[in-house]
Amino acid sequence: MKARQHTYFFIAVIIVTILLLFAHEFLPDTIRKRIFQFPAIDTMGHLISFFILTWVSHSVIKLSLRLCVPLLMFYGALTEIGQSFLGYRSGEFGDFIADVIGISLFVLATWLYLIFFQKTVTKQR
């Protein structure tokens, strides 16, 4: 049953991500320009993508959080360092912090889920 829930959640995440990626095509130009000129849109993208990356690494690939968290933090740092050497991108410390916050939010969500789930299982017995 748990595997089925993960599958449904994974499919929902993929659908929402695809819709968000292509949503800008259906928005009027005035709204699109306002959204994508918002300076924090890149930071929010980092946060959301690392939350999803942590979820996929932990739930789908089955890496433990003890391995997954430092590995993804290292990956986030490497991507920002790599971007600093590219002419068309810039490595920003704020983006790395957003990566870490996205990872941390997944860990927090997992921890809260386990606490809630354990209370539910205890009450059912």
N, C-alpha and C. Protein backbone atom coordinates (compact mmCIF):
# COMPACT_ATOMS: atom_id res chain seq x y z
N MET A 1 0.83 -1.20 0.00
CA MET A 1 0.00 0.00 0.00
C MET A 1 0.87 1.26 0.00
N LYS A 2 1.97 1.26 0.78
CA LYS A 2 2.83 2.43 0.85
C LYS A 2 3.49 2.72 -0.50
N ALA A 3 3.89 1.67 -1.21
CA ALA A 3 4.50 1.86 -2.52
C ALA A 3 3.51 2.51 -3.48
N ARG A 4 2.26 2.14 -3.39
CA ARG A 4 1.24 2.72 -4.25
C ARG A 4 1.07 4.21 -3.95
N GLN A 5 1.09 4.59 -2.67
CA GLN A 5 0.98 6.00 -2.30
C GLN A 5 2.15 6.79 -2.86
N HIS A 6 3.36 6.22 -2.77
CA HIS A 6 4.53 6.89 -3.32
C HIS A 6 4.39 7.06 -4.83
N THR A 7 3.88 6.04 -5.49
CA THR A 7 3.71 6.12 -6.94
C THR A 7 2.71 7.21 -7.31
N TYR A 8 1.58 7.26 -6.62
CA TYR A 8 0.59 8.29 -6.89
C TYR A 8 1.14 9.68 -6.62
N PHE A 9 1.87 9.81 -5.53
CA PHE A 9 2.46 11.11 -5.21
C PHE A 9 3.49 11.51 -6.26
N PHE A 10 4.32 10.57 -6.69
CA PHE A 10 5.33 10.83 -7.70
C PHE A 10 4.68 11.26 -9.02
N ILE A 11 3.61 10.58 -9.41
CA ILE A 11 2.90 10.95 -10.63
C ILE A 11 2.29 12.35 -10.50
N ALA A 12 1.73 12.65 -9.33
CA ALA A 12 1.16 13.99 -9.09
C ALA A 12 2.24 15.06 -9.17
N VAL A 13 3.41 14.79 -8.61
CA VAL A 13 4.51 15.76 -8.67
C VAL A 13 4.95 15.99 -10.11
N ILE A 14 5.03 14.93 -10.88
CA ILE A 14 5.43 15.07 -12.29
C ILE A 14 4.40 15.89 -13.06
N ILE A 15 3.12 15.61 -12.84
CA ILE A 15 2.07 16.35 -13.55
C ILE A 15 2.09 17.82 -13.18
N VAL A 16 2.19 18.12 -11.88
CA VAL A 16 2.23 19.52 -11.44
C VAL A 16 3.47 20.22 -11.98
N THR A 17 4.60 19.55 -11.97
CA THR A 17 5.83 20.15 -12.50
C THR A 17 5.70 20.46 -13.98
N ILE A 18 5.16 19.54 -14.74
CA ILE A 18 4.97 19.77 -16.18
C ILE A 18 4.01 20.93 -16.41
N LEU A 19 2.93 20.96 -15.64
CA LEU A 19 1.97 22.07 -15.77
C LEU A 19 2.62 23.41 -15.44
N LEU A 20 3.43 23.44 -14.40
CA LEU A 20 4.11 24.68 -14.03
C LEU A 20 5.14 25.10 -15.08
N LEU A 21 5.82 24.11 -15.66
CA LEU A 21 6.82 24.43 -16.69
C LEU A 21 6.18 25.05 -17.93
N PHE A 22 4.99 24.58 -18.27
CA PHE A 22 4.35 25.07 -19.47
C PHE A 22 3.25 26.10 -19.20
N ALA A 23 3.01 26.40 -17.93
CA ALA A 23 1.95 27.36 -17.58
C ALA A 23 2.24 28.75 -18.13
N HIS A 24 3.52 29.09 -18.20
CA HIS A 24 3.86 30.43 -18.69
C HIS A 24 3.44 30.65 -20.14
N GLU A 25 3.27 29.58 -20.89
CA GLU A 25 2.83 29.70 -22.28
C GLU A 25 1.37 30.14 -22.38
N PHE A 26 0.59 29.83 -21.37
CA PHE A 26 -0.84 30.12 -21.41
C PHE A 26 -1.21 31.42 -20.70
N LEU A 27 -0.23 32.03 -20.04
CA LEU A 27 -0.50 33.28 -19.32
C LEU A 27 -0.44 34.47 -20.26
N PRO A 28 -1.22 35.49 -19.99
CA PRO A 28 -1.09 36.73 -20.78
C PRO A 28 0.30 37.34 -20.58
N ASP A 29 0.78 38.07 -21.58
CA ASP A 29 2.13 38.63 -21.54
C ASP A 29 2.37 39.52 -20.33
N THR A 30 1.39 40.31 -19.93
CA THR A 30 1.60 41.21 -18.80
C THR A 30 1.83 40.43 -17.51
N ILE A 31 1.08 39.38 -17.29
CA ILE A 31 1.26 38.57 -16.08
C ILE A 31 2.57 37.80 -16.15
N ARG A 32 2.89 37.25 -17.31
CA ARG A 32 4.13 36.49 -17.48
C ARG A 32 5.34 37.36 -17.19
N LYS A 33 5.35 38.58 -17.70
CA LYS A 33 6.49 39.47 -17.47
C LYS A 33 6.63 39.81 -16.00
N ARG A 34 5.52 40.02 -15.31
CA ARG A 34 5.58 40.34 -13.87
C ARG A 34 6.11 39.17 -13.06
N ILE A 35 5.66 37.97 -13.38
CA ILE A 35 6.09 36.79 -12.62
C ILE A 35 7.58 36.54 -12.82
N PHE A 36 8.04 36.55 -14.06
CA PHE A 36 9.41 36.17 -14.33
C PHE A 36 10.40 37.31 -14.11
N GLN A 37 9.91 38.51 -13.83
CA GLN A 37 10.79 39.60 -13.43
C GLN A 37 10.94 39.64 -11.91
N PHE A 38 10.12 38.87 -11.21
CA PHE A 38 10.19 38.78 -9.76
C PHE A 38 11.54 38.18 -9.39
N PRO A 39 12.38 38.90 -8.62
CA PRO A 39 13.75 38.43 -8.38
C PRO A 39 13.86 37.10 -7.64
N ALA A 40 12.88 36.76 -6.83
CA ALA A 40 12.98 35.54 -6.03
C ALA A 40 12.50 34.30 -6.77
N ILE A 41 12.08 34.42 -8.03
CA ILE A 41 11.58 33.26 -8.76
C ILE A 41 12.67 32.21 -8.93
N ASP A 42 13.90 32.62 -9.14
CA ASP A 42 15.02 31.69 -9.28
C ASP A 42 15.29 30.98 -7.95
N THR A 43 15.25 31.72 -6.87
CA THR A 43 15.48 31.14 -5.54
C THR A 43 14.38 30.16 -5.19
N MET A 44 13.14 30.50 -5.50
CA MET A 44 12.03 29.58 -5.24
C MET A 44 12.17 28.31 -6.08
N GLY A 45 12.68 28.47 -7.29
CA GLY A 45 12.92 27.30 -8.14
C GLY A 45 13.97 26.37 -7.53
N HIS A 46 15.02 26.95 -6.98
CA HIS A 46 16.05 26.14 -6.31
C HIS A 46 15.46 25.39 -5.12
N LEU A 47 14.68 26.09 -4.31
CA LEU A 47 14.09 25.49 -3.12
C LEU A 47 13.17 24.33 -3.50
N ILE A 48 12.29 24.57 -4.43
CA ILE A 48 11.33 23.53 -4.84
C ILE A 48 12.05 22.36 -5.52
N SER A 49 13.01 22.65 -6.38
CA SER A 49 13.68 21.56 -7.09
C SER A 49 14.50 20.69 -6.15
N PHE A 50 15.14 21.28 -5.14
CA PHE A 50 15.91 20.47 -4.21
C PHE A 50 15.01 19.72 -3.23
N PHE A 51 13.83 20.26 -2.93
CA PHE A 51 12.85 19.52 -2.14
C PHE A 51 12.44 18.26 -2.91
N ILE A 52 12.12 18.43 -4.19
CA ILE A 52 11.70 17.30 -5.02
C ILE A 52 12.87 16.33 -5.24
N LEU A 53 14.08 16.86 -5.46
CA LEU A 53 15.25 16.01 -5.65
C LEU A 53 15.53 15.17 -4.40
N THR A 54 15.36 15.77 -3.23
CA THR A 54 15.54 15.02 -1.99
C THR A 54 14.48 13.95 -1.85
N TRP A 55 13.24 14.30 -2.19
CA TRP A 55 12.15 13.32 -2.12
C TRP A 55 12.43 12.14 -3.05
N VAL A 56 12.82 12.43 -4.28
CA VAL A 56 13.09 11.36 -5.25
C VAL A 56 14.27 10.51 -4.78
N SER A 57 15.33 11.16 -4.29
CA SER A 57 16.50 10.41 -3.82
C SER A 57 16.17 9.51 -2.65
N HIS A 58 15.35 10.00 -1.73
CA HIS A 58 15.03 9.23 -0.53
C HIS A 58 13.92 8.21 -0.77
N SER A 59 12.85 8.62 -1.42
CA SER A 59 11.68 7.75 -1.55
C SER A 59 11.71 6.84 -2.76
N VAL A 60 12.24 7.31 -3.85
CA VAL A 60 12.22 6.50 -5.08
C VAL A 60 13.52 5.71 -5.23
N ILE A 61 14.65 6.39 -5.08
CA ILE A 61 15.95 5.71 -5.21
C ILE A 61 16.30 4.95 -3.93
N LYS A 62 15.67 5.33 -2.82
CA LYS A 62 15.82 4.66 -1.51
C LYS A 62 17.18 4.93 -0.84
N LEU A 63 17.71 6.13 -1.01
CA LEU A 63 18.89 6.52 -0.24
C LEU A 63 18.44 6.93 1.15
N SER A 64 19.23 6.60 2.15
CA SER A 64 18.88 7.02 3.50
C SER A 64 19.06 8.53 3.61
N LEU A 65 18.32 9.15 4.53
CA LEU A 65 18.47 10.60 4.70
C LEU A 65 19.86 10.96 5.19
N ARG A 66 20.49 10.08 5.96
CA ARG A 66 21.86 10.34 6.45
C ARG A 66 22.86 10.43 5.29
N LEU A 67 22.60 9.73 4.23
CA LEU A 67 23.46 9.80 3.05
C LEU A 67 22.96 10.87 2.09
N CYS A 68 21.67 10.93 1.92
CA CYS A 68 21.04 11.80 0.94
C CYS A 68 21.29 13.29 1.23
N VAL A 69 21.12 13.70 2.48
CA VAL A 69 21.21 15.13 2.83
C VAL A 69 22.61 15.69 2.55
N PRO A 70 23.70 15.11 3.09
CA PRO A 70 25.01 15.70 2.77
C PRO A 70 25.38 15.58 1.29
N LEU A 71 24.96 14.49 0.66
CA LEU A 71 25.24 14.30 -0.76
C LEU A 71 24.60 15.40 -1.61
N LEU A 72 23.33 15.71 -1.33
CA LEU A 72 22.64 16.75 -2.10
C LEU A 72 23.15 18.15 -1.75
N MET A 73 23.56 18.36 -0.50
CA MET A 73 24.16 19.66 -0.15
C MET A 73 25.46 19.85 -0.92
N PHE A 74 26.25 18.79 -1.01
CA PHE A 74 27.50 18.83 -1.77
C PHE A 74 27.20 19.08 -3.26
N TYR A 75 26.19 18.43 -3.78
CA TYR A 75 25.79 18.62 -5.17
C TYR A 75 25.35 20.07 -5.41
N GLY A 76 24.56 20.62 -4.48
CA GLY A 76 24.13 22.02 -4.60
C GLY A 76 25.31 22.97 -4.60
N ALA A 77 26.28 22.72 -3.73
CA ALA A 77 27.47 23.57 -3.69
C ALA A 77 28.26 23.45 -5.00
N LEU A 78 28.41 22.23 -5.50
CA LEU A 78 29.15 22.03 -6.76
C LEU A 78 28.47 22.72 -7.94
N THR A 79 27.14 22.69 -7.98
CA THR A 79 26.46 23.34 -9.10
C THR A 79 26.67 24.85 -9.06
N GLU A 80 26.65 25.43 -7.87
CA GLU A 80 26.87 26.87 -7.76
C GLU A 80 28.31 27.24 -8.09
N ILE A 81 29.25 26.43 -7.66
CA ILE A 81 30.66 26.69 -8.01
C ILE A 81 30.85 26.56 -9.51
N GLY A 82 30.25 25.51 -10.11
CA GLY A 82 30.34 25.33 -11.56
C GLY A 82 29.73 26.48 -12.33
N GLN A 83 28.61 27.01 -11.83
CA GLN A 83 27.96 28.13 -12.50
C GLN A 83 28.80 29.40 -12.45
N SER A 84 29.63 29.53 -11.43
CA SER A 84 30.46 30.73 -11.33
C SER A 84 31.52 30.79 -12.44
N PHE A 85 31.82 29.64 -13.05
CA PHE A 85 32.79 29.61 -14.14
C PHE A 85 32.16 29.76 -15.52
N LEU A 86 30.84 29.76 -15.58
CA LEU A 86 30.15 29.90 -16.86
C LEU A 86 29.91 31.38 -17.16
N GLY A 87 30.00 31.74 -18.39
CA GLY A 87 29.81 33.13 -18.77
C GLY A 87 28.37 33.60 -18.69
N TYR A 88 27.43 32.69 -18.88
CA TYR A 88 26.02 33.07 -18.93
C TYR A 88 25.27 32.77 -17.63
N ARG A 89 25.94 32.21 -16.64
CA ARG A 89 25.34 31.92 -15.34
C ARG A 89 26.24 32.49 -14.25
N SER A 90 25.68 32.66 -13.07
CA SER A 90 26.50 33.11 -11.95
C SER A 90 26.16 32.26 -10.74
N GLY A 91 27.20 31.79 -10.07
CA GLY A 91 27.01 31.02 -8.85
C GLY A 91 26.69 31.98 -7.71
N GLU A 92 25.59 31.74 -7.04
CA GLU A 92 25.19 32.64 -5.95
C GLU A 92 25.03 31.86 -4.66
N PHE A 93 25.53 32.44 -3.58
CA PHE A 93 25.43 31.79 -2.27
C PHE A 93 23.96 31.67 -1.85
N GLY A 94 23.15 32.66 -2.22
CA GLY A 94 21.72 32.62 -1.90
C GLY A 94 21.02 31.42 -2.52
N ASP A 95 21.43 31.04 -3.73
CA ASP A 95 20.86 29.86 -4.37
C ASP A 95 21.25 28.59 -3.62
N PHE A 96 22.49 28.55 -3.14
CA PHE A 96 22.92 27.39 -2.35
C PHE A 96 22.11 27.30 -1.05
N ILE A 97 21.87 28.45 -0.42
CA ILE A 97 21.06 28.47 0.80
C ILE A 97 19.64 27.98 0.48
N ALA A 98 19.09 28.37 -0.66
CA ALA A 98 17.76 27.89 -1.06
C ALA A 98 17.77 26.38 -1.28
N ASP A 99 18.86 25.86 -1.84
CA ASP A 99 18.99 24.41 -2.00
C ASP A 99 18.94 23.71 -0.64
N VAL A 100 19.70 24.24 0.31
CA VAL A 100 19.76 23.65 1.65
C VAL A 100 18.39 23.75 2.34
N ILE A 101 17.71 24.87 2.16
CA ILE A 101 16.37 25.03 2.76
C ILE A 101 15.40 24.02 2.15
N GLY A 102 15.47 23.80 0.84
CA GLY A 102 14.61 22.81 0.19
C GLY A 102 14.86 21.41 0.73
N ILE A 103 16.13 21.06 0.91
CA ILE A 103 16.49 19.76 1.49
C ILE A 103 15.96 19.67 2.92
N SER A 104 16.17 20.72 3.69
CA SER A 104 15.75 20.75 5.10
C SER A 104 14.23 20.67 5.23
N LEU A 105 13.51 21.31 4.32
CA LEU A 105 12.05 21.25 4.37
C LEU A 105 11.56 19.83 4.12
N PHE A 106 12.23 19.10 3.23
CA PHE A 106 11.84 17.70 3.03
C PHE A 106 12.10 16.88 4.27
N VAL A 107 13.25 17.09 4.91
CA VAL A 107 13.56 16.36 6.14
C VAL A 107 12.53 16.69 7.21
N LEU A 108 12.18 17.96 7.35
CA LEU A 108 11.17 18.37 8.32
C LEU A 108 9.81 17.74 8.01
N ALA A 109 9.42 17.75 6.74
CA ALA A 109 8.14 17.16 6.34
C ALA A 109 8.13 15.66 6.62
N THR A 110 9.23 14.99 6.37
CA THR A 110 9.34 13.56 6.64
C THR A 110 9.24 13.30 8.13
N TRP A 111 9.93 14.10 8.92
CA TRP A 111 9.91 13.95 10.38
C TRP A 111 8.49 14.16 10.92
N LEU A 112 7.81 15.20 10.45
CA LEU A 112 6.44 15.46 10.90
C LEU A 112 5.50 14.35 10.47
N TYR A 113 5.69 13.83 9.26
CA TYR A 113 4.87 12.72 8.78
C TYR A 113 5.05 11.48 9.66
N LEU A 114 6.30 11.19 10.02
CA LEU A 114 6.56 10.03 10.87
C LEU A 114 5.95 10.20 12.25
N ILE A 115 6.04 11.40 12.80
CA ILE A 115 5.42 11.65 14.11
C ILE A 115 3.91 11.48 14.02
N PHE A 116 3.30 12.06 13.00
CA PHE A 116 1.85 11.95 12.83
C PHE A 116 1.45 10.50 12.58
N PHE A 117 2.19 9.81 11.72
CA PHE A 117 1.87 8.43 11.37
C PHE A 117 2.00 7.52 12.58
N GLN A 118 3.05 7.71 13.38
CA GLN A 118 3.24 6.87 14.56
C GLN A 118 2.11 7.08 15.56
N LYS A 119 1.63 8.33 15.72
CA LYS A 119 0.50 8.59 16.62
C LYS A 119 -0.76 7.92 16.10
N THR A 120 -0.96 7.93 14.78
CA THR A 120 -2.15 7.31 14.19
C THR A 120 -2.11 5.80 14.38
N VAL A 121 -0.94 5.17 14.18
CA VAL A 121 -0.80 3.73 14.34
C VAL A 121 -1.01 3.36 15.80
N THR A 122 -0.48 4.16 16.73
CA THR A 122 -0.63 3.88 18.16
C THR A 122 -2.09 3.98 18.57
N LYS A 123 -2.82 4.96 18.06
CA LYS A 123 -4.23 5.12 18.41
C LYS A 123 -5.09 3.98 17.86
N GLN A 124 -4.71 3.41 16.73
CA GLN A 124 -5.49 2.33 16.11
C GLN A 124 -5.36 1.03 16.88
N ARG A 125 -4.29 0.85 17.62
CA ARG A 125 -4.06 -0.40 18.35
C ARG A 125 -4.83 -0.38 19.59
